[in-house]
Structure formats: C-alpha cells, structure tokens
Amino acid sequence: MNQDTVVNLASQAITLALSVAGPLLLASLVIGLVISVFQAVTQIQEQTLSLIPKIVGIVLVIVVLGPWMVNKMVTYTQNLYGSIPSMVGS
C-alpha cells in the first residue's frame, strides 16, 4: 500500500462522512436559524425552545434520507473490503 492509496482512501472517507452528515447538519442549522429569528422577533429568551424542533427535524431527515445514507455507507464499506486484496498484494 503506497501513499497515494492512503490519501485516496482518506479522501473517500471524508467525502462520505460529509455527504452523510451534511443533510443532518443542514437541517439542524436551518431549524436553529429559524428559531433564533423567532426568538429575536418575539423577545422570548428560552434556551430550550430550539431543542425539540431540532430533534424532530433531524428525525424527519433520518426517516426520509436514512436508506440513502445507509446505502452509501454499505457501498463504501463493500468497496473498501473488496479492495483489500489488491492493496495488500502491491
């Protein structure tokens, strides 16, 4: 296994992590922003107000995009395990 292979594997892993975590983080960010604007407009300063909407939003994203996320991770893992013999052989 040479340096290029390691860099390629790390790059693929980071890309996969960002593509799987991205929708969850984006949903949390948007919901947090909307709740923050709502709190600023109404002057409600309750710290726990954004917790429940964020949890509900993340659960909805997982329900909708969960199969896609799992498919991406399984495909990456199968490709990684499948390429082990060629990486060890070189």
PDB file of N, CA and C in Angstrom:
ATOM      1  N   MET A   1       0.867  -1.174   0.000  1.00  0.00           N
ATOM      2  CA  MET A   1       0.000   0.000   0.000  1.00  0.00           C
ATOM      3  C   MET A   1       0.909   1.232   0.000  1.00  0.00           C
ATOM      4  N   ASN A   2       0.694   2.089  -0.963  1.00  0.00           N
ATOM      5  CA  ASN A   2       1.537   3.276  -1.052  1.00  0.00           C
ATOM      6  C   ASN A   2       0.794   4.508  -0.528  1.00  0.00           C
ATOM      7  N   GLN A   3       1.475   5.603  -0.574  1.00  0.00           N
ATOM      8  CA  GLN A   3       0.936   6.847  -0.018  1.00  0.00           C
ATOM      9  C   GLN A   3      -0.287   7.342  -0.787  1.00  0.00           C
ATOM     10  N   ASP A   4      -0.296   7.163  -2.083  1.00  0.00           N
ATOM     11  CA  ASP A   4      -1.441   7.603  -2.893  1.00  0.00           C
ATOM     12  C   ASP A   4      -2.715   6.847  -2.516  1.00  0.00           C
ATOM     13  N   THR A   5      -2.582   5.561  -2.238  1.00  0.00           N
ATOM     14  CA  THR A   5      -3.737   4.759  -1.851  1.00  0.00           C
ATOM     15  C   THR A   5      -4.314   5.236  -0.531  1.00  0.00           C
ATOM     16  N   VAL A   6      -3.444   5.531   0.417  1.00  0.00           N
ATOM     17  CA  VAL A   6      -3.893   6.001   1.732  1.00  0.00           C
ATOM     18  C   VAL A   6      -4.592   7.355   1.603  1.00  0.00           C
ATOM     19  N   VAL A   7      -4.026   8.240   0.823  1.00  0.00           N
ATOM     20  CA  VAL A   7      -4.637   9.554   0.626  1.00  0.00           C
ATOM     21  C   VAL A   7      -5.990   9.416  -0.069  1.00  0.00           C
ATOM     22  N   ASN A   8      -6.078   8.528  -1.048  1.00  0.00           N
ATOM     23  CA  ASN A   8      -7.336   8.301  -1.754  1.00  0.00           C
ATOM     24  C   ASN A   8      -8.402   7.736  -0.814  1.00  0.00           C
ATOM     25  N   LEU A   9      -8.024   6.768   0.015  1.00  0.00           N
ATOM     26  CA  LEU A   9      -8.978   6.192   0.966  1.00  0.00           C
ATOM     27  C   LEU A   9      -9.448   7.237   1.981  1.00  0.00           C
ATOM     28  N   ALA A  10      -8.528   8.041   2.471  1.00  0.00           N
ATOM     29  CA  ALA A  10      -8.908   9.087   3.421  1.00  0.00           C
ATOM     30  C   ALA A  10      -9.819  10.119   2.768  1.00  0.00           C
ATOM     31  N   SER A  11      -9.530  10.460   1.530  1.00  0.00           N
ATOM     32  CA  SER A  11     -10.369  11.414   0.805  1.00  0.00           C
ATOM     33  C   SER A  11     -11.775  10.872   0.593  1.00  0.00           C
ATOM     34  N   GLN A  12     -11.882   9.595   0.220  1.00  0.00           N
ATOM     35  CA  GLN A  12     -13.194   8.983   0.051  1.00  0.00           C
ATOM     36  C   GLN A  12     -13.961   8.921   1.366  1.00  0.00           C
ATOM     37  N   ALA A  13     -13.259   8.606   2.458  1.00  0.00           N
ATOM     38  CA  ALA A  13     -13.918   8.520   3.760  1.00  0.00           C
ATOM     39  C   ALA A  13     -14.436   9.883   4.213  1.00  0.00           C
ATOM     40  N   ILE A  14     -13.649  10.921   4.003  1.00  0.00           N
ATOM     41  CA  ILE A  14     -14.081  12.271   4.391  1.00  0.00           C
ATOM     42  C   ILE A  14     -15.255  12.719   3.532  1.00  0.00           C
ATOM     43  N   THR A  15     -15.199  12.433   2.244  1.00  0.00           N
ATOM     44  CA  THR A  15     -16.308  12.788   1.353  1.00  0.00           C
ATOM     45  C   THR A  15     -17.588  12.072   1.761  1.00  0.00           C
ATOM     46  N   LEU A  16     -17.469  10.792   2.100  1.00  0.00           N
ATOM     47  CA  LEU A  16     -18.633  10.036   2.548  1.00  0.00           C
ATOM     48  C   LEU A  16     -19.180  10.598   3.855  1.00  0.00           C
ATOM     49  N   ALA A  17     -18.313  10.905   4.794  1.00  0.00           N
ATOM     50  CA  ALA A  17     -18.759  11.456   6.071  1.00  0.00           C
ATOM     51  C   ALA A  17     -19.488  12.782   5.882  1.00  0.00           C
ATOM     52  N   LEU A  18     -18.969  13.633   5.010  1.00  0.00           N
ATOM     53  CA  LEU A  18     -19.622  14.921   4.760  1.00  0.00           C
ATOM     54  C   LEU A  18     -20.953  14.753   4.038  1.00  0.00           C
ATOM     55  N   SER A  19     -21.008  13.823   3.105  1.00  0.00           N
ATOM     56  CA  SER A  19     -22.265  13.647   2.365  1.00  0.00           C
ATOM     57  C   SER A  19     -23.345  12.998   3.229  1.00  0.00           C
ATOM     58  N   VAL A  20     -22.961  12.174   4.187  1.00  0.00           N
ATOM     59  CA  VAL A  20     -23.941  11.543   5.065  1.00  0.00           C
ATOM     60  C   VAL A  20     -24.358  12.489   6.192  1.00  0.00           C
ATOM     61  N   ALA A  21     -23.415  13.217   6.755  1.00  0.00           N
ATOM     62  CA  ALA A  21     -23.730  14.116   7.870  1.00  0.00           C
ATOM     63  C   ALA A  21     -24.274  15.457   7.397  1.00  0.00           C
ATOM     64  N   GLY A  22     -24.019  15.816   6.155  1.00  0.00           N
ATOM     65  CA  GLY A  22     -24.432  17.119   5.638  1.00  0.00           C
ATOM     66  C   GLY A  22     -25.911  17.421   5.767  1.00  0.00           C
ATOM     67  N   PRO A  23     -26.791  16.526   5.322  1.00  0.00           N
ATOM     68  CA  PRO A  23     -28.219  16.828   5.444  1.00  0.00           C
ATOM     69  C   PRO A  23     -28.682  16.998   6.891  1.00  0.00           C
ATOM     70  N   LEU A  24     -28.119  16.213   7.796  1.00  0.00           N
ATOM     71  CA  LEU A  24     -28.483  16.336   9.208  1.00  0.00           C
ATOM     72  C   LEU A  24     -28.034  17.684   9.772  1.00  0.00           C
ATOM     73  N   LEU A  25     -26.808  18.045   9.455  1.00  0.00           N
ATOM     74  CA  LEU A  25     -26.284  19.322   9.943  1.00  0.00           C
ATOM     75  C   LEU A  25     -27.011  20.507   9.313  1.00  0.00           C
ATOM     76  N   LEU A  26     -27.333  20.388   8.030  1.00  0.00           N
ATOM     77  CA  LEU A  26     -28.046  21.464   7.354  1.00  0.00           C
ATOM     78  C   LEU A  26     -29.448  21.656   7.931  1.00  0.00           C
ATOM     79  N   ALA A  27     -30.141  20.556   8.184  1.00  0.00           N
ATOM     80  CA  ALA A  27     -31.478  20.656   8.781  1.00  0.00           C
ATOM     81  C   ALA A  27     -31.404  21.289  10.167  1.00  0.00           C
ATOM     82  N   SER A  28     -30.438  20.879  10.957  1.00  0.00           N
ATOM     83  CA  SER A  28     -30.273  21.448  12.290  1.00  0.00           C
ATOM     84  C   SER A  28     -29.932  22.935  12.219  1.00  0.00           C
ATOM     85  N   LEU A  29     -29.094  23.306  11.265  1.00  0.00           N
ATOM     86  CA  LEU A  29     -28.715  24.706  11.095  1.00  0.00           C
ATOM     87  C   LEU A  29     -29.908  25.575  10.703  1.00  0.00           C
ATOM     88  N   VAL A  30     -30.687  25.106   9.738  1.00  0.00           N
ATOM     89  CA  VAL A  30     -31.838  25.880   9.263  1.00  0.00           C
ATOM     90  C   VAL A  30     -32.880  26.020  10.371  1.00  0.00           C
ATOM     91  N   ILE A  31     -33.164  24.928  11.062  1.00  0.00           N
ATOM     92  CA  ILE A  31     -34.158  24.994  12.144  1.00  0.00           C
ATOM     93  C   ILE A  31     -33.669  25.905  13.257  1.00  0.00           C
ATOM     94  N   GLY A  32     -32.398  25.812  13.610  1.00  0.00           N
ATOM     95  CA  GLY A  32     -31.843  26.687  14.639  1.00  0.00           C
ATOM     96  C   GLY A  32     -31.904  28.152  14.242  1.00  0.00           C
ATOM     97  N   LEU A  33     -31.637  28.430  12.968  1.00  0.00           N
ATOM     98  CA  LEU A  33     -31.698  29.808  12.486  1.00  0.00           C
ATOM     99  C   LEU A  33     -33.122  30.355  12.542  1.00  0.00           C
ATOM    100  N   VAL A  34     -34.090  29.540  12.115  1.00  0.00           N
ATOM    101  CA  VAL A  34     -35.495  29.971  12.147  1.00  0.00           C
ATOM    102  C   VAL A  34     -35.946  30.216  13.586  1.00  0.00           C
ATOM    103  N   ILE A  35     -35.577  29.327  14.487  1.00  0.00           N
ATOM    104  CA  ILE A  35     -35.958  29.500  15.895  1.00  0.00           C
ATOM    105  C   ILE A  35     -35.268  30.728  16.485  1.00  0.00           C
ATOM    106  N   SER A  36     -34.032  30.967  16.126  1.00  0.00           N
ATOM    107  CA  SER A  36     -33.320  32.149  16.638  1.00  0.00           C
ATOM    108  C   SER A  36     -33.964  33.442  16.156  1.00  0.00           C
ATOM    109  N   VAL A  37     -34.360  33.481  14.885  1.00  0.00           N
ATOM    110  CA  VAL A  37     -35.046  34.667  14.368  1.00  0.00           C
ATOM    111  C   VAL A  37     -36.382  34.855  15.087  1.00  0.00           C
ATOM    112  N   PHE A  38     -37.100  33.757  15.288  1.00  0.00           N
ATOM    113  CA  PHE A  38     -38.372  33.814  16.015  1.00  0.00           C
ATOM    114  C   PHE A  38     -38.153  34.339  17.433  1.00  0.00           C
ATOM    115  N   GLN A  39     -37.114  33.875  18.105  1.00  0.00           N
ATOM    116  CA  GLN A  39     -36.827  34.351  19.461  1.00  0.00           C
ATOM    117  C   GLN A  39     -36.438  35.821  19.469  1.00  0.00           C
ATOM    118  N   ALA A  40     -35.705  36.250  18.462  1.00  0.00           N
ATOM    119  CA  ALA A  40     -35.305  37.652  18.405  1.00  0.00           C
ATOM    120  C   ALA A  40     -36.504  38.552  18.137  1.00  0.00           C
ATOM    121  N   VAL A  41     -37.421  38.105  17.298  1.00  0.00           N
ATOM    122  CA  VAL A  41     -38.597  38.913  16.967  1.00  0.00           C
ATOM    123  C   VAL A  41     -39.547  39.001  18.158  1.00  0.00           C
ATOM    124  N   THR A  42     -39.752  37.876  18.823  1.00  0.00           N
ATOM    125  CA  THR A  42     -40.717  37.857  19.926  1.00  0.00           C
ATOM    126  C   THR A  42     -40.090  38.146  21.276  1.00  0.00           C
ATOM    127  N   GLN A  43     -38.789  38.255  21.341  1.00  0.00           N
ATOM    128  CA  GLN A  43     -38.028  38.505  22.558  1.00  0.00           C
ATOM    129  C   GLN A  43     -38.239  37.419  23.608  1.00  0.00           C
ATOM    130  N   ILE A  44     -38.474  36.206  23.144  1.00  0.00           N
ATOM    131  CA  ILE A  44     -38.531  35.053  24.043  1.00  0.00           C
ATOM    132  C   ILE A  44     -37.102  34.530  24.168  1.00  0.00           C
ATOM    133  N   GLN A  45     -36.569  34.516  25.377  1.00  0.00           N
ATOM    134  CA  GLN A  45     -35.189  34.085  25.589  1.00  0.00           C
ATOM    135  C   GLN A  45     -35.133  32.740  26.304  1.00  0.00           C
ATOM    136  N   GLU A  46     -35.810  31.764  25.767  1.00  0.00           N
ATOM    137  CA  GLU A  46     -35.818  30.423  26.339  1.00  0.00           C
ATOM    138  C   GLU A  46     -34.772  29.568  25.621  1.00  0.00           C
ATOM    139  N   GLN A  47     -33.811  29.044  26.358  1.00  0.00           N
ATOM    140  CA  GLN A  47     -32.709  28.286  25.762  1.00  0.00           C
ATOM    141  C   GLN A  47     -33.164  26.944  25.202  1.00  0.00           C
ATOM    142  N   THR A  48     -34.168  26.353  25.816  1.00  0.00           N
ATOM    143  CA  THR A  48     -34.587  25.012  25.404  1.00  0.00           C
ATOM    144  C   THR A  48     -35.616  25.021  24.278  1.00  0.00           C
ATOM    145  N   LEU A  49     -36.006  26.187  23.797  1.00  0.00           N
ATOM    146  CA  LEU A  49     -37.046  26.283  22.770  1.00  0.00           C
ATOM    147  C   LEU A  49     -36.632  25.624  21.457  1.00  0.00           C
ATOM    148  N   SER A  50     -35.370  25.660  21.118  1.00  0.00           N
ATOM    149  CA  SER A  50     -34.938  25.118  19.826  1.00  0.00           C
ATOM    150  C   SER A  50     -34.631  23.625  19.886  1.00  0.00           C
ATOM    151  N   LEU A  51     -34.610  23.042  21.059  1.00  0.00           N
ATOM    152  CA  LEU A  51     -34.218  21.635  21.176  1.00  0.00           C
ATOM    153  C   LEU A  51     -35.214  20.690  20.513  1.00  0.00           C
ATOM    154  N   ILE A  52     -36.478  20.796  20.845  1.00  0.00           N
ATOM    155  CA  ILE A  52     -37.484  19.875  20.312  1.00  0.00           C
ATOM    156  C   ILE A  52     -37.642  20.005  18.793  1.00  0.00           C
ATOM    157  N   PRO A  53     -37.738  21.215  18.230  1.00  0.00           N
ATOM    158  CA  PRO A  53     -37.821  21.292  16.756  1.00  0.00           C
ATOM    159  C   PRO A  53     -36.596  20.711  16.051  1.00  0.00           C
ATOM    160  N   LYS A  54     -35.411  20.883  16.629  1.00  0.00           N
ATOM    161  CA  LYS A  54     -34.212  20.313  16.019  1.00  0.00           C
ATOM    162  C   LYS A  54     -34.268  18.790  16.050  1.00  0.00           C
ATOM    163  N   ILE A  55     -34.683  18.229  17.177  1.00  0.00           N
ATOM    164  CA  ILE A  55     -34.782  16.772  17.276  1.00  0.00           C
ATOM    165  C   ILE A  55     -35.797  16.236  16.265  1.00  0.00           C
ATOM    166  N   VAL A  56     -36.943  16.890  16.169  1.00  0.00           N
ATOM    167  CA  VAL A  56     -37.973  16.457  15.224  1.00  0.00           C
ATOM    168  C   VAL A  56     -37.463  16.578  13.789  1.00  0.00           C
ATOM    169  N   GLY A  57     -36.790  17.670  13.482  1.00  0.00           N
ATOM    170  CA  GLY A  57     -36.245  17.859  12.131  1.00  0.00           C
ATOM    171  C   GLY A  57     -35.203  16.815  11.780  1.00  0.00           C
ATOM    172  N   ILE A  58     -34.323  16.500  12.712  1.00  0.00           N
ATOM    173  CA  ILE A  58     -33.288  15.502  12.447  1.00  0.00           C
ATOM    174  C   ILE A  58     -33.912  14.116  12.287  1.00  0.00           C
ATOM    175  N   VAL A  59     -34.917  13.804  13.106  1.00  0.00           N
ATOM    176  CA  VAL A  59     -35.599  12.512  12.959  1.00  0.00           C
ATOM    177  C   VAL A  59     -36.278  12.424  11.594  1.00  0.00           C
ATOM    178  N   LEU A  60     -36.907  13.509  11.149  1.00  0.00           N
ATOM    179  CA  LEU A  60     -37.543  13.502   9.829  1.00  0.00           C
ATOM    180  C   LEU A  60     -36.521  13.306   8.707  1.00  0.00           C
ATOM    181  N   VAL A  61     -35.369  13.954   8.828  1.00  0.00           N
ATOM    182  CA  VAL A  61     -34.321  13.785   7.815  1.00  0.00           C
ATOM    183  C   VAL A  61     -33.821  12.348   7.806  1.00  0.00           C
ATOM    184  N   ILE A  62     -33.668  11.756   8.991  1.00  0.00           N
ATOM    185  CA  ILE A  62     -33.219  10.365   9.057  1.00  0.00           C
ATOM    186  C   ILE A  62     -34.257   9.435   8.451  1.00  0.00           C
ATOM    187  N   VAL A  63     -35.535   9.703   8.716  1.00  0.00           N
ATOM    188  CA  VAL A  63     -36.591   8.854   8.154  1.00  0.00           C
ATOM    189  C   VAL A  63     -36.605   8.972   6.630  1.00  0.00           C
ATOM    190  N   VAL A  64     -36.456  10.183   6.122  1.00  0.00           N
ATOM    191  CA  VAL A  64     -36.529  10.387   4.675  1.00  0.00           C
ATOM    192  C   VAL A  64     -35.245   9.933   3.972  1.00  0.00           C
ATOM    193  N   LEU A  65     -34.091  10.322   4.499  1.00  0.00           N
ATOM    194  CA  LEU A  65     -32.826  10.048   3.822  1.00  0.00           C
ATOM    195  C   LEU A  65     -32.040   8.891   4.425  1.00  0.00           C
ATOM    196  N   GLY A  66     -32.575   8.241   5.451  1.00  0.00           N
ATOM    197  CA  GLY A  66     -31.870   7.153   6.114  1.00  0.00           C
ATOM    198  C   GLY A  66     -31.465   6.021   5.184  1.00  0.00           C
ATOM    199  N   PRO A  67     -32.382   5.518   4.351  1.00  0.00           N
ATOM    200  CA  PRO A  67     -31.981   4.430   3.438  1.00  0.00           C
ATOM    201  C   PRO A  67     -30.856   4.833   2.478  1.00  0.00           C
ATOM    202  N   TRP A  68     -30.895   6.057   2.008  1.00  0.00           N
ATOM    203  CA  TRP A  68     -29.828   6.543   1.123  1.00  0.00           C
ATOM    204  C   TRP A  68     -28.498   6.593   1.865  1.00  0.00           C
ATOM    205  N   MET A  69     -28.532   7.086   3.110  1.00  0.00           N
ATOM    206  CA  MET A  69     -27.309   7.180   3.911  1.00  0.00           C
ATOM    207  C   MET A  69     -26.719   5.796   4.179  1.00  0.00           C
ATOM    208  N   VAL A  70     -27.568   4.862   4.561  1.00  0.00           N
ATOM    209  CA  VAL A  70     -27.100   3.505   4.837  1.00  0.00           C
ATOM    210  C   VAL A  70     -26.560   2.863   3.560  1.00  0.00           C
ATOM    211  N   ASN A  71     -27.234   3.098   2.448  1.00  0.00           N
ATOM    212  CA  ASN A  71     -26.770   2.540   1.171  1.00  0.00           C
ATOM    213  C   ASN A  71     -25.389   3.076   0.812  1.00  0.00           C
ATOM    214  N   LYS A  72     -25.174   4.368   1.002  1.00  0.00           N
ATOM    215  CA  LYS A  72     -23.859   4.962   0.711  1.00  0.00           C
ATOM    216  C   LYS A  72     -22.777   4.340   1.592  1.00  0.00           C
ATOM    217  N   MET A  73     -23.065   4.176   2.881  1.00  0.00           N
ATOM    218  CA  MET A  73     -22.071   3.620   3.797  1.00  0.00           C
ATOM    219  C   MET A  73     -21.793   2.147   3.501  1.00  0.00           C
ATOM    220  N   VAL A  74     -22.826   1.378   3.187  1.00  0.00           N
ATOM    221  CA  VAL A  74     -22.642  -0.040   2.877  1.00  0.00           C
ATOM    222  C   VAL A  74     -21.851  -0.195   1.584  1.00  0.00           C
ATOM    223  N   THR A  75     -22.166   0.610   0.581  1.00  0.00           N
ATOM    224  CA  THR A  75     -21.434   0.544  -0.687  1.00  0.00           C
ATOM    225  C   THR A  75     -19.962   0.877  -0.484  1.00  0.00           C
ATOM    226  N   TYR A  76     -19.681   1.913   0.295  1.00  0.00           N
ATOM    227  CA  TYR A  76     -18.286   2.283   0.567  1.00  0.00           C
ATOM    228  C   TYR A  76     -17.557   1.154   1.294  1.00  0.00           C
ATOM    229  N   THR A  77     -18.222   0.569   2.299  1.00  0.00           N
ATOM    230  CA  THR A  77     -17.594  -0.497   3.069  1.00  0.00           C
ATOM    231  C   THR A  77     -17.361  -1.732   2.210  1.00  0.00           C
ATOM    232  N   GLN A  78     -18.321  -2.086   1.365  1.00  0.00           N
ATOM    233  CA  GLN A  78     -18.130  -3.231   0.474  1.00  0.00           C
ATOM    234  C   GLN A  78     -16.988  -2.990  -0.509  1.00  0.00           C
ATOM    235  N   ASN A  79     -16.912  -1.793  -1.050  1.00  0.00           N
ATOM    236  CA  ASN A  79     -15.808  -1.462  -1.967  1.00  0.00           C
ATOM    237  C   ASN A  79     -14.466  -1.495  -1.242  1.00  0.00           C
ATOM    238  N   LEU A  80     -14.457  -1.000  -0.003  1.00  0.00           N
ATOM    239  CA  LEU A  80     -13.221  -0.985   0.777  1.00  0.00           C
ATOM    240  C   LEU A  80     -12.761  -2.407   1.087  1.00  0.00           C
ATOM    241  N   TYR A  81     -13.678  -3.247   1.555  1.00  0.00           N
ATOM    242  CA  TYR A  81     -13.312  -4.636   1.853  1.00  0.00           C
ATOM    243  C   TYR A  81     -12.948  -5.402   0.585  1.00  0.00           C
ATOM    244  N   GLY A  82     -13.616  -5.095  -0.496  1.00  0.00           N
ATOM    245  CA  GLY A  82     -13.307  -5.765  -1.758  1.00  0.00           C
ATOM    246  C   GLY A  82     -11.940  -5.393  -2.302  1.00  0.00           C
ATOM    247  N   SER A  83     -11.458  -4.212  -1.967  1.00  0.00           N
ATOM    248  CA  SER A  83     -10.169  -3.767  -2.494  1.00  0.00           C
ATOM    249  C   SER A  83      -8.995  -4.121  -1.575  1.00  0.00           C
ATOM    250  N   ILE A  84      -9.269  -4.753  -0.456  1.00  0.00           N
ATOM    251  CA  ILE A  84      -8.181  -5.126   0.461  1.00  0.00           C
ATOM    252  C   ILE A  84      -7.165  -6.057  -0.197  1.00  0.00           C
ATOM    253  N   PRO A  85      -7.588  -7.103  -0.911  1.00  0.00           N
ATOM    254  CA  PRO A  85      -6.565  -7.979  -1.530  1.00  0.00           C
ATOM    255  C   PRO A  85      -5.651  -7.252  -2.508  1.00  0.00           C
ATOM    256  N   SER A  86      -6.194  -6.321  -3.275  1.00  0.00           N
ATOM    257  CA  SER A  86      -5.334  -5.603  -4.214  1.00  0.00           C
ATOM    258  C   SER A  86      -4.410  -4.616  -3.498  1.00  0.00           C
ATOM    259  N   MET A  87      -4.847  -4.096  -2.359  1.00  0.00           N
ATOM    260  CA  MET A  87      -3.977  -3.179  -1.611  1.00  0.00           C
ATOM    261  C   MET A  87      -2.858  -3.926  -0.895  1.00  0.00           C
ATOM    262  N   VAL A  88      -3.165  -5.096  -0.379  1.00  0.00           N
ATOM    263  CA  VAL A  88      -2.151  -5.884   0.335  1.00  0.00           C
ATOM    264  C   VAL A  88      -1.173  -6.509  -0.654  1.00  0.00           C
ATOM    265  N   GLY A  89      -1.675  -6.878  -1.821  1.00  0.00           N
ATOM    266  CA  GLY A  89      -0.819  -7.532  -2.811  1.00  0.00           C
ATOM    267  C   GLY A  89       0.244  -6.636  -3.412  1.00  0.00           C
ATOM    268  N   SER A  90       0.041  -5.325  -3.389  1.00  0.00           N
ATOM    269  CA  SER A  90       1.010  -4.430  -4.027  1.00  0.00           C
ATOM    270  C   SER A  90       2.109  -3.987  -3.101  1.00  0.00           C
TER     271      SER A  90
END
